[in-house]
């Protein structure tokens, strides 16, 4: 995409005041050429997401007319899936063991399959938000490990990434590194959902609905209109959930946490 191809009325900068006017945007996208941790955090705090273009200064800003979300305030039987019951004890789970590394794994994983919107600028921004403990955005990488021949859980088989704004979790990408009959991609999604719910998150925002998301319809997943999404997001984005890392380390998880030797 080139700047001259974009509509000027949809251009956003760090000087813009974001708010209720976003619900009246006629498009699924805005755009910008600005870049930076605070600006991106401001966008994320308003329910937006950035899609950089690897060969362009243009950054797409996603603001769907309909957003697919799972309501985490209602009981969800994450652990009743047959494969979760059968295989969860064969894996271990960590959170943010290597956020930047996992995001790069996702970038390469999707590049091998054709294309990706992830680039090093996005890796840099999200990683800085994590290490600098940004007050409004908490990046998360869920990491699923299986044991090697010596019984140590050192082989990464799946990862799921996103970020939380208060009690909203925004899933952004994932990679199933080892695909087999155990469905590790599905397992890490359910393990993440369980932990998010246990730590008090109330909404899981998954973006514009893709066919693969339909399996979450049975968990209450549905499309929110832009107005409903924004009002829900705005009400939850500054509420503080429990520390999800502490919840995982307590052992209250579908997949046991990875334990390190003293």
C-alpha atoms as a PDB file:
ATOM      1  CA  UNK A   1       0.000   0.000   0.000  1.00  0.00           C
ATOM      2  CA  UNK A   2       1.186   3.513  -0.792  1.00  0.00           C
ATOM      3  CA  UNK A   3       0.252   6.765   0.909  1.00  0.00           C
ATOM      4  CA  UNK A   4      -1.281   8.237  -2.211  1.00  0.00           C
ATOM      5  CA  UNK A   5      -3.746   5.310  -2.359  1.00  0.00           C
ATOM      6  CA  UNK A   6      -5.217   6.016   1.087  1.00  0.00           C
ATOM      7  CA  UNK A   7      -8.161   8.243   1.930  1.00  0.00           C
ATOM      8  CA  UNK A   8      -6.988  11.332   3.846  1.00  0.00           C
ATOM      9  CA  UNK A   9     -10.148  11.464   6.009  1.00  0.00           C
ATOM     10  CA  UNK A  10      -9.210   8.059   7.493  1.00  0.00           C
ATOM     11  CA  UNK A  11      -5.693   9.146   8.481  1.00  0.00           C
ATOM     12  CA  UNK A  12      -4.899   9.081  12.227  1.00  0.00           C
ATOM     13  CA  UNK A  13      -1.923  10.550  14.087  1.00  0.00           C
ATOM     14  CA  UNK A  14      -0.795  10.755  17.691  1.00  0.00           C
ATOM     15  CA  UNK A  15      -2.358  14.246  17.839  1.00  0.00           C
ATOM     16  CA  UNK A  16      -5.883  12.919  17.286  1.00  0.00           C
ATOM     17  CA  UNK A  17      -8.257  12.524  20.220  1.00  0.00           C
ATOM     18  CA  UNK A  18      -9.687   9.020  20.046  1.00  0.00           C
ATOM     19  CA  UNK A  19     -13.104   8.178  21.416  1.00  0.00           C
ATOM     20  CA  UNK A  20     -16.751   7.673  20.527  1.00  0.00           C
ATOM     21  CA  UNK A  21     -16.303   9.041  16.997  1.00  0.00           C
ATOM     22  CA  UNK A  22     -14.576   5.770  16.115  1.00  0.00           C
ATOM     23  CA  UNK A  23     -17.965   4.040  16.072  1.00  0.00           C
ATOM     24  CA  UNK A  24     -19.038   6.290  13.179  1.00  0.00           C
ATOM     25  CA  UNK A  25     -16.115   5.450  10.922  1.00  0.00           C
ATOM     26  CA  UNK A  26     -17.631   3.988   7.698  1.00  0.00           C
ATOM     27  CA  UNK A  27     -14.673   1.679   7.043  1.00  0.00           C
ATOM     28  CA  UNK A  28     -13.135  -1.388   8.695  1.00  0.00           C
ATOM     29  CA  UNK A  29      -9.794   0.395   8.594  1.00  0.00           C
ATOM     30  CA  UNK A  30      -8.043   3.640   9.404  1.00  0.00           C
ATOM     31  CA  UNK A  31      -4.396   4.252   8.589  1.00  0.00           C
ATOM     32  CA  UNK A  32      -1.298   6.054   9.768  1.00  0.00           C
ATOM     33  CA  UNK A  33       2.358   6.503   8.942  1.00  0.00           C
ATOM     34  CA  UNK A  34       3.355   7.180  12.542  1.00  0.00           C
ATOM     35  CA  UNK A  35       5.070   4.663  14.730  1.00  0.00           C
ATOM     36  CA  UNK A  36       5.936   4.416  18.408  1.00  0.00           C
ATOM     37  CA  UNK A  37       5.210   2.706  21.717  1.00  0.00           C
ATOM     38  CA  UNK A  38       2.966   5.395  23.217  1.00  0.00           C
ATOM     39  CA  UNK A  39       1.017   5.942  19.996  1.00  0.00           C
ATOM     40  CA  UNK A  40       0.409   2.222  19.491  1.00  0.00           C
ATOM     41  CA  UNK A  41      -0.580   1.840  23.150  1.00  0.00           C
ATOM     42  CA  UNK A  42      -3.076   4.670  22.690  1.00  0.00           C
ATOM     43  CA  UNK A  43      -4.583   2.883  19.695  1.00  0.00           C
ATOM     44  CA  UNK A  44      -4.776  -0.443  21.544  1.00  0.00           C
ATOM     45  CA  UNK A  45      -6.345   1.223  24.575  1.00  0.00           C
ATOM     46  CA  UNK A  46      -9.152   2.347  22.255  1.00  0.00           C
ATOM     47  CA  UNK A  47      -9.860  -1.124  20.885  1.00  0.00           C
ATOM     48  CA  UNK A  48      -7.851  -0.651  17.679  1.00  0.00           C
ATOM     49  CA  UNK A  49      -5.046  -2.757  16.258  1.00  0.00           C
ATOM     50  CA  UNK A  50      -2.131  -2.048  13.930  1.00  0.00           C
ATOM     51  CA  UNK A  51      -1.248  -3.961  10.777  1.00  0.00           C
ATOM     52  CA  UNK A  52       2.160  -2.811   9.521  1.00  0.00           C
ATOM     53  CA  UNK A  53       3.118  -3.366   5.913  1.00  0.00           C
ATOM     54  CA  UNK A  54       6.586  -4.825   5.584  1.00  0.00           C
ATOM     55  CA  UNK A  55       7.485  -2.838   2.466  1.00  0.00           C
ATOM     56  CA  UNK A  56       5.654   0.406   3.200  1.00  0.00           C
ATOM     57  CA  UNK A  57       5.423   3.200   5.753  1.00  0.00           C
ATOM     58  CA  UNK A  58       1.646   2.781   5.789  1.00  0.00           C
ATOM     59  CA  UNK A  59       0.237   1.075   8.877  1.00  0.00           C
ATOM     60  CA  UNK A  60      -3.337  -0.166   8.683  1.00  0.00           C
ATOM     61  CA  UNK A  61      -5.465   0.355  11.804  1.00  0.00           C
ATOM     62  CA  UNK A  62      -8.176  -2.265  12.242  1.00  0.00           C
ATOM     63  CA  UNK A  63     -11.567  -1.076  13.497  1.00  0.00           C
ATOM     64  CA  UNK A  64     -14.085  -3.709  12.379  1.00  0.00           C
ATOM     65  CA  UNK A  65     -17.735  -2.964  11.831  1.00  0.00           C
ATOM     66  CA  UNK A  66     -18.251  -6.275  13.649  1.00  0.00           C
ATOM     67  CA  UNK A  67     -15.826  -7.743  16.204  1.00  0.00           C
ATOM     68  CA  UNK A  68     -15.864 -11.391  17.202  1.00  0.00           C
ATOM     69  CA  UNK A  69     -15.644 -11.766  20.982  1.00  0.00           C
ATOM     70  CA  UNK A  70     -16.064 -14.400  23.674  1.00  0.00           C
ATOM     71  CA  UNK A  71     -17.812 -13.288  26.872  1.00  0.00           C
ATOM     72  CA  UNK A  72     -15.668 -14.579  29.740  1.00  0.00           C
ATOM     73  CA  UNK A  73     -18.172 -13.637  32.450  1.00  0.00           C
ATOM     74  CA  UNK A  74     -20.264 -16.767  31.796  1.00  0.00           C
ATOM     75  CA  UNK A  75     -19.182 -20.341  32.693  1.00  0.00           C
ATOM     76  CA  UNK A  76     -17.250 -21.956  29.838  1.00  0.00           C
ATOM     77  CA  UNK A  77     -16.329 -25.679  29.916  1.00  0.00           C
ATOM     78  CA  UNK A  78     -12.779 -25.253  28.598  1.00  0.00           C
ATOM     79  CA  UNK A  79     -11.652 -28.529  30.139  1.00  0.00           C
ATOM     80  CA  UNK A  80     -14.432 -30.772  28.824  1.00  0.00           C
ATOM     81  CA  UNK A  81     -12.873 -31.123  25.386  1.00  0.00           C
ATOM     82  CA  UNK A  82     -11.926 -34.759  24.847  1.00  0.00           C
ATOM     83  CA  UNK A  83      -8.406 -34.007  23.606  1.00  0.00           C
ATOM     84  CA  UNK A  84      -7.757 -31.626  26.486  1.00  0.00           C
ATOM     85  CA  UNK A  85      -8.632 -34.368  28.980  1.00  0.00           C
ATOM     86  CA  UNK A  86      -6.570 -36.939  27.117  1.00  0.00           C
ATOM     87  CA  UNK A  87      -3.398 -34.978  26.384  1.00  0.00           C
ATOM     88  CA  UNK A  88      -3.045 -31.972  28.709  1.00  0.00           C
ATOM     89  CA  UNK A  89      -0.801 -33.828  31.173  1.00  0.00           C
ATOM     90  CA  UNK A  90       1.752 -34.409  28.411  1.00  0.00           C
ATOM     91  CA  UNK A  91       2.542 -30.676  28.170  1.00  0.00           C
ATOM     92  CA  UNK A  92       3.600 -27.738  30.300  1.00  0.00           C
ATOM     93  CA  UNK A  93       2.586 -24.075  29.965  1.00  0.00           C
ATOM     94  CA  UNK A  94       4.496 -20.834  30.463  1.00  0.00           C
ATOM     95  CA  UNK A  95       3.651 -17.169  30.085  1.00  0.00           C
ATOM     96  CA  UNK A  96       6.075 -14.656  28.546  1.00  0.00           C
ATOM     97  CA  UNK A  97       9.085 -16.946  28.719  1.00  0.00           C
ATOM     98  CA  UNK A  98      10.175 -15.325  25.445  1.00  0.00           C
ATOM     99  CA  UNK A  99       7.537 -12.943  24.108  1.00  0.00           C
ATOM    100  CA  UNK A 100       9.650 -11.442  21.319  1.00  0.00           C
ATOM    101  CA  UNK A 101      10.946 -14.860  20.284  1.00  0.00           C
ATOM    102  CA  UNK A 102       7.414 -16.267  20.087  1.00  0.00           C
ATOM    103  CA  UNK A 103       6.189 -13.332  18.012  1.00  0.00           C
ATOM    104  CA  UNK A 104       9.095 -13.892  15.615  1.00  0.00           C
ATOM    105  CA  UNK A 105       8.208 -17.594  15.440  1.00  0.00           C
ATOM    106  CA  UNK A 106       4.681 -16.575  14.425  1.00  0.00           C
ATOM    107  CA  UNK A 107       6.105 -14.173  11.829  1.00  0.00           C
ATOM    108  CA  UNK A 108       8.252 -16.887  10.239  1.00  0.00           C
ATOM    109  CA  UNK A 109       5.497 -19.490  10.567  1.00  0.00           C
ATOM    110  CA  UNK A 110       3.029 -17.348   8.593  1.00  0.00           C
ATOM    111  CA  UNK A 111       5.659 -16.198   6.092  1.00  0.00           C
ATOM    112  CA  UNK A 112       6.338 -19.831   5.231  1.00  0.00           C
ATOM    113  CA  UNK A 113       2.630 -20.166   4.474  1.00  0.00           C
ATOM    114  CA  UNK A 114       2.441 -17.124   2.229  1.00  0.00           C
ATOM    115  CA  UNK A 115       2.407 -13.779   4.035  1.00  0.00           C
ATOM    116  CA  UNK A 116       2.254 -12.013   7.369  1.00  0.00           C
ATOM    117  CA  UNK A 117       1.506  -8.558   8.761  1.00  0.00           C
ATOM    118  CA  UNK A 118       4.000  -9.072  11.614  1.00  0.00           C
ATOM    119  CA  UNK A 119       7.289  -7.232  11.194  1.00  0.00           C
ATOM    120  CA  UNK A 120      10.220  -6.267  13.377  1.00  0.00           C
ATOM    121  CA  UNK A 121       8.696  -2.865  14.153  1.00  0.00           C
ATOM    122  CA  UNK A 122       5.705  -4.545  15.766  1.00  0.00           C
ATOM    123  CA  UNK A 123       7.934  -7.003  17.643  1.00  0.00           C
ATOM    124  CA  UNK A 124       9.952  -4.068  18.980  1.00  0.00           C
ATOM    125  CA  UNK A 125       6.918  -2.049  20.086  1.00  0.00           C
ATOM    126  CA  UNK A 126       5.081  -4.879  21.837  1.00  0.00           C
ATOM    127  CA  UNK A 127       8.244  -6.152  23.512  1.00  0.00           C
ATOM    128  CA  UNK A 128       8.987  -2.672  24.834  1.00  0.00           C
ATOM    129  CA  UNK A 129       5.474  -2.429  26.247  1.00  0.00           C
ATOM    130  CA  UNK A 130       6.134  -5.650  28.129  1.00  0.00           C
ATOM    131  CA  UNK A 131       9.615  -4.944  29.494  1.00  0.00           C
ATOM    132  CA  UNK A 132       8.767  -1.332  30.364  1.00  0.00           C
ATOM    133  CA  UNK A 133       5.513  -2.429  32.077  1.00  0.00           C
ATOM    134  CA  UNK A 134       3.277  -0.112  30.100  1.00  0.00           C
ATOM    135  CA  UNK A 135       0.368   0.955  32.348  1.00  0.00           C
ATOM    136  CA  UNK A 136      -2.360   0.388  29.732  1.00  0.00           C
ATOM    137  CA  UNK A 137      -1.178  -2.593  27.675  1.00  0.00           C
ATOM    138  CA  UNK A 138       0.110  -5.951  28.937  1.00  0.00           C
ATOM    139  CA  UNK A 139       1.471  -8.168  26.116  1.00  0.00           C
ATOM    140  CA  UNK A 140       1.159 -11.919  26.637  1.00  0.00           C
ATOM    141  CA  UNK A 141       2.698 -14.977  25.005  1.00  0.00           C
ATOM    142  CA  UNK A 142       1.273 -18.313  26.094  1.00  0.00           C
ATOM    143  CA  UNK A 143       3.837 -21.033  25.380  1.00  0.00           C
ATOM    144  CA  UNK A 144       3.093 -24.774  25.254  1.00  0.00           C
ATOM    145  CA  UNK A 145       5.981 -27.213  25.755  1.00  0.00           C
ATOM    146  CA  UNK A 146       6.378 -30.964  25.467  1.00  0.00           C
ATOM    147  CA  UNK A 147       9.064 -33.157  26.992  1.00  0.00           C
ATOM    148  CA  UNK A 148      12.266 -34.126  25.205  1.00  0.00           C
ATOM    149  CA  UNK A 149      13.835 -37.587  25.363  1.00  0.00           C
ATOM    150  CA  UNK A 150      15.180 -36.836  28.841  1.00  0.00           C
ATOM    151  CA  UNK A 151      11.830 -35.758  30.207  1.00  0.00           C
ATOM    152  CA  UNK A 152      12.540 -32.013  30.280  1.00  0.00           C
ATOM    153  CA  UNK A 153       9.888 -29.732  28.829  1.00  0.00           C
ATOM    154  CA  UNK A 154      12.094 -27.874  26.359  1.00  0.00           C
ATOM    155  CA  UNK A 155      10.315 -28.338  23.018  1.00  0.00           C
ATOM    156  CA  UNK A 156       7.940 -25.508  22.075  1.00  0.00           C
ATOM    157  CA  UNK A 157       4.960 -26.950  20.190  1.00  0.00           C
ATOM    158  CA  UNK A 158       2.512 -24.019  20.113  1.00  0.00           C
ATOM    159  CA  UNK A 159       2.280 -20.375  21.102  1.00  0.00           C
ATOM    160  CA  UNK A 160      -0.554 -17.870  21.326  1.00  0.00           C
ATOM    161  CA  UNK A 161       0.001 -14.123  21.604  1.00  0.00           C
ATOM    162  CA  UNK A 162      -2.029 -11.064  22.412  1.00  0.00           C
ATOM    163  CA  UNK A 163      -2.288  -8.274  24.917  1.00  0.00           C
ATOM    164  CA  UNK A 164      -4.617  -7.202  27.690  1.00  0.00           C
ATOM    165  CA  UNK A 165      -6.080  -3.777  28.227  1.00  0.00           C
ATOM    166  CA  UNK A 166      -7.537  -4.098  31.688  1.00  0.00           C
ATOM    167  CA  UNK A 167      -9.991  -6.989  31.655  1.00  0.00           C
ATOM    168  CA  UNK A 168     -10.050  -7.307  27.847  1.00  0.00           C
ATOM    169  CA  UNK A 169      -7.699  -9.754  26.155  1.00  0.00           C
ATOM    170  CA  UNK A 170      -7.019  -9.105  22.481  1.00  0.00           C
ATOM    171  CA  UNK A 171      -5.666 -12.188  20.740  1.00  0.00           C
ATOM    172  CA  UNK A 172      -3.491 -11.234  17.786  1.00  0.00           C
ATOM    173  CA  UNK A 173      -1.715 -14.332  16.423  1.00  0.00           C
ATOM    174  CA  UNK A 174      -0.630 -17.869  17.120  1.00  0.00           C
ATOM    175  CA  UNK A 175       1.511 -20.642  15.672  1.00  0.00           C
ATOM    176  CA  UNK A 176       1.092 -24.396  15.931  1.00  0.00           C
ATOM    177  CA  UNK A 177       4.667 -25.559  15.548  1.00  0.00           C
ATOM    178  CA  UNK A 178       3.992 -29.257  15.936  1.00  0.00           C
ATOM    179  CA  UNK A 179       0.811 -30.457  14.286  1.00  0.00           C
ATOM    180  CA  UNK A 180      -0.435 -33.921  15.175  1.00  0.00           C
ATOM    181  CA  UNK A 181      -3.516 -35.724  16.438  1.00  0.00           C
ATOM    182  CA  UNK A 182      -3.231 -34.034  19.858  1.00  0.00           C
ATOM    183  CA  UNK A 183      -4.322 -30.665  18.380  1.00  0.00           C
ATOM    184  CA  UNK A 184      -1.847 -28.528  20.297  1.00  0.00           C
ATOM    185  CA  UNK A 185      -3.186 -25.342  18.686  1.00  0.00           C
ATOM    186  CA  UNK A 186      -6.638 -26.043  20.077  1.00  0.00           C
ATOM    187  CA  UNK A 187      -5.162 -27.058  23.435  1.00  0.00           C
ATOM    188  CA  UNK A 188      -3.248 -23.802  23.902  1.00  0.00           C
ATOM    189  CA  UNK A 189      -6.370 -21.797  23.033  1.00  0.00           C
ATOM    190  CA  UNK A 190      -8.395 -23.587  25.678  1.00  0.00           C
ATOM    191  CA  UNK A 191      -5.604 -23.344  28.237  1.00  0.00           C
ATOM    192  CA  UNK A 192      -5.348 -19.599  27.549  1.00  0.00           C
ATOM    193  CA  UNK A 193      -9.119 -19.148  27.789  1.00  0.00           C
ATOM    194  CA  UNK A 194      -9.223 -20.983  31.119  1.00  0.00           C
ATOM    195  CA  UNK A 195      -6.430 -18.822  32.579  1.00  0.00           C
ATOM    196  CA  UNK A 196      -7.949 -15.599  31.287  1.00  0.00           C
ATOM    197  CA  UNK A 197     -11.232 -16.479  32.910  1.00  0.00           C
ATOM    198  CA  UNK A 198      -9.638 -17.583  36.189  1.00  0.00           C
ATOM    199  CA  UNK A 199      -7.679 -14.317  36.401  1.00  0.00           C
ATOM    200  CA  UNK A 200     -10.806 -12.192  35.997  1.00  0.00           C
ATOM    201  CA  UNK A 201     -10.621 -11.123  32.367  1.00  0.00           C
ATOM    202  CA  UNK A 202     -14.144 -10.559  31.060  1.00  0.00           C
ATOM    203  CA  UNK A 203     -13.835 -10.279  27.275  1.00  0.00           C
ATOM    204  CA  UNK A 204     -11.714 -12.122  24.716  1.00  0.00           C
ATOM    205  CA  UNK A 205     -11.548 -10.058  21.526  1.00  0.00           C
ATOM    206  CA  UNK A 206     -10.524 -12.137  18.523  1.00  0.00           C
ATOM    207  CA  UNK A 207     -10.853  -9.573  15.715  1.00  0.00           C
ATOM    208  CA  UNK A 208     -12.895  -9.927  12.550  1.00  0.00           C
ATOM    209  CA  UNK A 209     -14.463 -13.368  12.486  1.00  0.00           C
ATOM    210  CA  UNK A 210     -12.642 -16.003  10.445  1.00  0.00           C
ATOM    211  CA  UNK A 211     -14.095 -19.435   9.605  1.00  0.00           C
ATOM    212  CA  UNK A 212     -11.693 -21.078  12.081  1.00  0.00           C
ATOM    213  CA  UNK A 213     -13.270 -19.106  14.938  1.00  0.00           C
ATOM    214  CA  UNK A 214     -16.648 -20.786  14.530  1.00  0.00           C
ATOM    215  CA  UNK A 215     -15.662 -23.507  17.021  1.00  0.00           C
ATOM    216  CA  UNK A 216     -15.905 -20.811  19.712  1.00  0.00           C
ATOM    217  CA  UNK A 217     -19.560 -20.169  18.916  1.00  0.00           C
ATOM    218  CA  UNK A 218     -20.354 -23.024  21.322  1.00  0.00           C
ATOM    219  CA  UNK A 219     -18.538 -21.067  24.053  1.00  0.00           C
ATOM    220  CA  UNK A 220     -20.695 -18.020  23.447  1.00  0.00           C
ATOM    221  CA  UNK A 221     -18.506 -16.390  20.826  1.00  0.00           C
ATOM    222  CA  UNK A 222     -20.395 -13.937  18.636  1.00  0.00           C
ATOM    223  CA  UNK A 223     -20.062 -10.761  16.630  1.00  0.00           C
ATOM    224  CA  UNK A 224     -20.414  -7.484  18.516  1.00  0.00           C
ATOM    225  CA  UNK A 225     -21.505  -4.386  16.630  1.00  0.00           C
ATOM    226  CA  UNK A 226     -18.972  -1.597  16.753  1.00  0.00           C
ATOM    227  CA  UNK A 227     -21.120   0.347  19.218  1.00  0.00           C
ATOM    228  CA  UNK A 228     -21.544  -2.633  21.565  1.00  0.00           C
ATOM    229  CA  UNK A 229     -17.872  -3.545  21.308  1.00  0.00           C
ATOM    230  CA  UNK A 230     -16.668  -0.026  22.071  1.00  0.00           C
ATOM    231  CA  UNK A 231     -19.007   0.452  25.041  1.00  0.00           C
ATOM    232  CA  UNK A 232     -17.936  -2.930  26.494  1.00  0.00           C
ATOM    233  CA  UNK A 233     -14.250  -2.327  25.798  1.00  0.00           C
ATOM    234  CA  UNK A 234     -14.366   1.151  27.297  1.00  0.00           C
ATOM    235  CA  UNK A 235     -16.007  -0.153  30.478  1.00  0.00           C
ATOM    236  CA  UNK A 236     -13.378  -2.889  30.979  1.00  0.00           C
ATOM    237  CA  UNK A 237     -10.114  -1.436  29.689  1.00  0.00           C
ATOM    238  CA  UNK A 238      -9.093   0.246  32.961  1.00  0.00           C
ATOM    239  CA  UNK A 239     -10.312  -2.453  35.344  1.00  0.00           C
ATOM    240  CA  UNK A 240      -7.516  -4.502  36.879  1.00  0.00           C
ATOM    241  CA  UNK A 241      -7.674  -8.315  36.688  1.00  0.00           C
ATOM    242  CA  UNK A 242      -5.708 -10.720  38.860  1.00  0.00           C
ATOM    243  CA  UNK A 243      -2.066 -11.368  37.980  1.00  0.00           C
ATOM    244  CA  UNK A 244      -2.416 -14.076  35.340  1.00  0.00           C
ATOM    245  CA  UNK A 245       1.166 -15.247  35.817  1.00  0.00           C
ATOM    246  CA  UNK A 246       0.514 -15.865  39.489  1.00  0.00           C
ATOM    247  CA  UNK A 247      -2.675 -17.761  38.656  1.00  0.00           C
ATOM    248  CA  UNK A 248      -0.687 -20.028  36.304  1.00  0.00           C
ATOM    249  CA  UNK A 249       2.095 -20.585  38.847  1.00  0.00           C
ATOM    250  CA  UNK A 250      -0.497 -21.513  41.480  1.00  0.00           C
ATOM    251  CA  UNK A 251      -1.311 -24.561  39.355  1.00  0.00           C
ATOM    252  CA  UNK A 252      -4.919 -23.572  38.646  1.00  0.00           C
ATOM    253  CA  UNK A 253      -4.567 -24.292  34.938  1.00  0.00           C
ATOM    254  CA  UNK A 254      -5.715 -26.826  32.352  1.00  0.00           C
ATOM    255  CA  UNK A 255      -2.038 -27.438  31.592  1.00  0.00           C
ATOM    256  CA  UNK A 256       0.421 -27.542  34.471  1.00  0.00           C
ATOM    257  CA  UNK A 257       3.005 -24.749  34.650  1.00  0.00           C
ATOM    258  CA  UNK A 258       6.578 -25.564  33.754  1.00  0.00           C
ATOM    259  CA  UNK A 259       8.618 -25.863  36.945  1.00  0.00           C
ATOM    260  CA  UNK A 260      12.271 -24.979  37.103  1.00  0.00           C
ATOM    261  CA  UNK A 261      14.869 -26.630  39.293  1.00  0.00           C
ATOM    262  CA  UNK A 262      16.134 -24.467  42.153  1.00  0.00           C
END
